[in-house]
Amino acid sequence: MRGLKKIFLLWLVFSLVTVSLYSTGWAENKDRWTQDDPVGQGWSALDLIFARPFGVAAGIVGSAIFIVSLPFTIPSGGVNEAANMFIVKPFKFSFVRGFPDEDI
């Protein structure tokens, strides 16, 4: 039981220190960050390195799901909606969206 208390106490201290050092959590509003702010540039780098490749992967996986769903969407007339949801939106997220995206 003592070992569990020590682990819990260490976890609690670590989480409190981590939360207090997280600087963007203290932001009051979006207007405080400018285009030249290093935090904003960090989010742009994460967008370029992680979000856009995941969007491409989602488009590829969505294409496979769309093909599998065709026997169900053709009779119901939902082919356009399925294509938009599984293929068009992920690829638009990756390729059409502006960089840096101010909405994220």
Protein backbone atom coordinates (compact mmCIF):
# COMPACT_ATOMS: atom_id res chain seq x y z
CA MET A 1 0.00 0.00 0.00
CA ARG A 2 2.89 2.38 0.72
CA GLY A 3 4.27 1.79 -2.75
CA LEU A 4 0.91 2.71 -4.26
CA LYS A 5 0.79 5.90 -2.19
CA LYS A 6 4.28 6.88 -3.33
CA ILE A 7 3.43 6.24 -6.98
CA PHE A 8 0.21 8.24 -6.67
CA LEU A 9 2.02 11.12 -4.95
CA LEU A 10 4.75 11.19 -7.61
CA TRP A 11 2.13 11.09 -10.36
CA LEU A 12 0.21 13.92 -8.70
CA VAL A 13 3.31 16.12 -8.34
CA PHE A 14 4.38 15.40 -11.91
CA SER A 15 0.95 16.24 -13.30
CA LEU A 16 0.70 19.48 -11.32
CA VAL A 17 4.14 20.60 -12.47
CA THR A 18 3.36 19.68 -16.07
CA VAL A 19 0.06 21.56 -16.07
CA SER A 20 1.58 24.64 -14.49
CA LEU A 21 4.36 24.77 -17.09
CA TYR A 22 2.01 24.42 -20.04
CA SER A 23 2.12 28.02 -21.24
CA THR A 24 -0.62 27.95 -23.88
CA GLY A 25 -3.07 26.76 -21.24
CA TRP A 26 -2.82 30.16 -19.59
CA ALA A 27 -3.81 32.06 -22.70
CA GLU A 28 -6.89 34.19 -22.21
CA ASN A 29 -7.90 34.53 -25.83
CA LYS A 30 -6.74 33.88 -29.37
CA ASP A 31 -5.84 37.54 -29.99
CA ARG A 32 -2.79 37.33 -27.74
CA TRP A 33 -0.92 35.16 -30.23
CA THR A 34 0.56 36.84 -33.25
CA GLN A 35 1.84 35.49 -36.53
CA ASP A 36 5.45 35.79 -35.33
CA ASP A 37 4.87 33.99 -32.05
CA PRO A 38 6.96 30.81 -31.66
CA VAL A 39 4.00 28.95 -30.14
CA GLY A 40 1.95 29.64 -33.27
CA GLN A 41 4.82 28.47 -35.44
CA GLY A 42 4.97 25.28 -33.39
CA TRP A 43 1.31 24.59 -34.11
CA SER A 44 1.99 25.20 -37.81
CA ALA A 45 4.84 22.69 -37.71
CA LEU A 46 2.60 20.12 -36.03
CA ASP A 47 -0.03 20.75 -38.67
CA LEU A 48 2.50 20.17 -41.44
CA ILE A 49 4.22 17.16 -39.87
CA PHE A 50 1.27 15.28 -38.35
CA ALA A 51 -2.18 16.56 -39.30
CA ARG A 52 -1.79 16.74 -43.07
CA PRO A 53 -0.18 13.29 -43.46
CA PHE A 54 -2.94 11.85 -41.26
CA GLY A 55 -5.45 13.55 -43.56
CA VAL A 56 -3.88 11.83 -46.58
CA ALA A 57 -3.92 8.49 -44.76
CA ALA A 58 -7.57 9.07 -43.81
CA GLY A 59 -8.35 9.77 -47.47
CA ILE A 60 -6.69 6.53 -48.57
CA VAL A 61 -8.43 4.47 -45.89
CA GLY A 62 -11.67 6.32 -46.64
CA SER A 63 -11.36 5.36 -50.30
CA ALA A 64 -11.22 1.70 -49.31
CA ILE A 65 -14.20 2.12 -46.98
CA PHE A 66 -16.08 3.92 -49.75
CA ILE A 67 -15.50 1.04 -52.16
CA VAL A 68 -16.65 -1.48 -49.56
CA SER A 69 -19.76 0.61 -48.82
CA LEU A 70 -20.81 0.96 -52.47
CA PRO A 71 -23.18 -2.07 -52.43
CA PHE A 72 -25.09 -0.35 -49.62
CA THR A 73 -24.95 3.26 -50.82
CA ILE A 74 -25.92 2.70 -54.47
CA PRO A 75 -29.42 1.33 -53.70
CA SER A 76 -30.08 4.00 -51.09
CA GLY A 77 -28.79 6.85 -53.28
CA GLY A 78 -26.15 8.03 -50.83
CA VAL A 79 -23.08 7.64 -53.04
CA ASN A 80 -22.35 11.39 -53.20
CA GLU A 81 -22.62 11.83 -49.43
CA ALA A 82 -20.40 8.80 -48.79
CA ALA A 83 -17.80 9.99 -51.31
CA ASN A 84 -17.81 13.45 -49.72
CA MET A 85 -17.41 12.07 -46.20
CA PHE A 86 -14.81 9.36 -46.89
CA ILE A 87 -12.74 10.82 -49.75
CA VAL A 88 -13.30 14.52 -50.44
CA LYS A 89 -13.18 15.94 -46.88
CA PRO A 90 -9.91 14.23 -45.82
CA PHE A 91 -8.13 15.26 -49.03
CA LYS A 92 -9.46 18.83 -48.78
CA PHE A 93 -8.20 18.91 -45.19
CA SER A 94 -4.74 17.92 -46.43
CA PHE A 95 -4.36 19.79 -49.71
CA VAL A 96 -6.87 22.64 -50.05
CA ARG A 97 -6.68 24.18 -46.57
CA GLY A 98 -4.45 27.23 -46.24
CA PHE A 99 -1.11 27.13 -44.47
CA PRO A 100 -0.82 28.20 -41.73
CA ASP A 101 -4.45 27.56 -40.90
CA GLU A 102 -5.68 30.24 -38.53
CA ASP A 103 -8.84 28.30 -37.56
CA ILE A 104 -7.06 25.48 -35.74
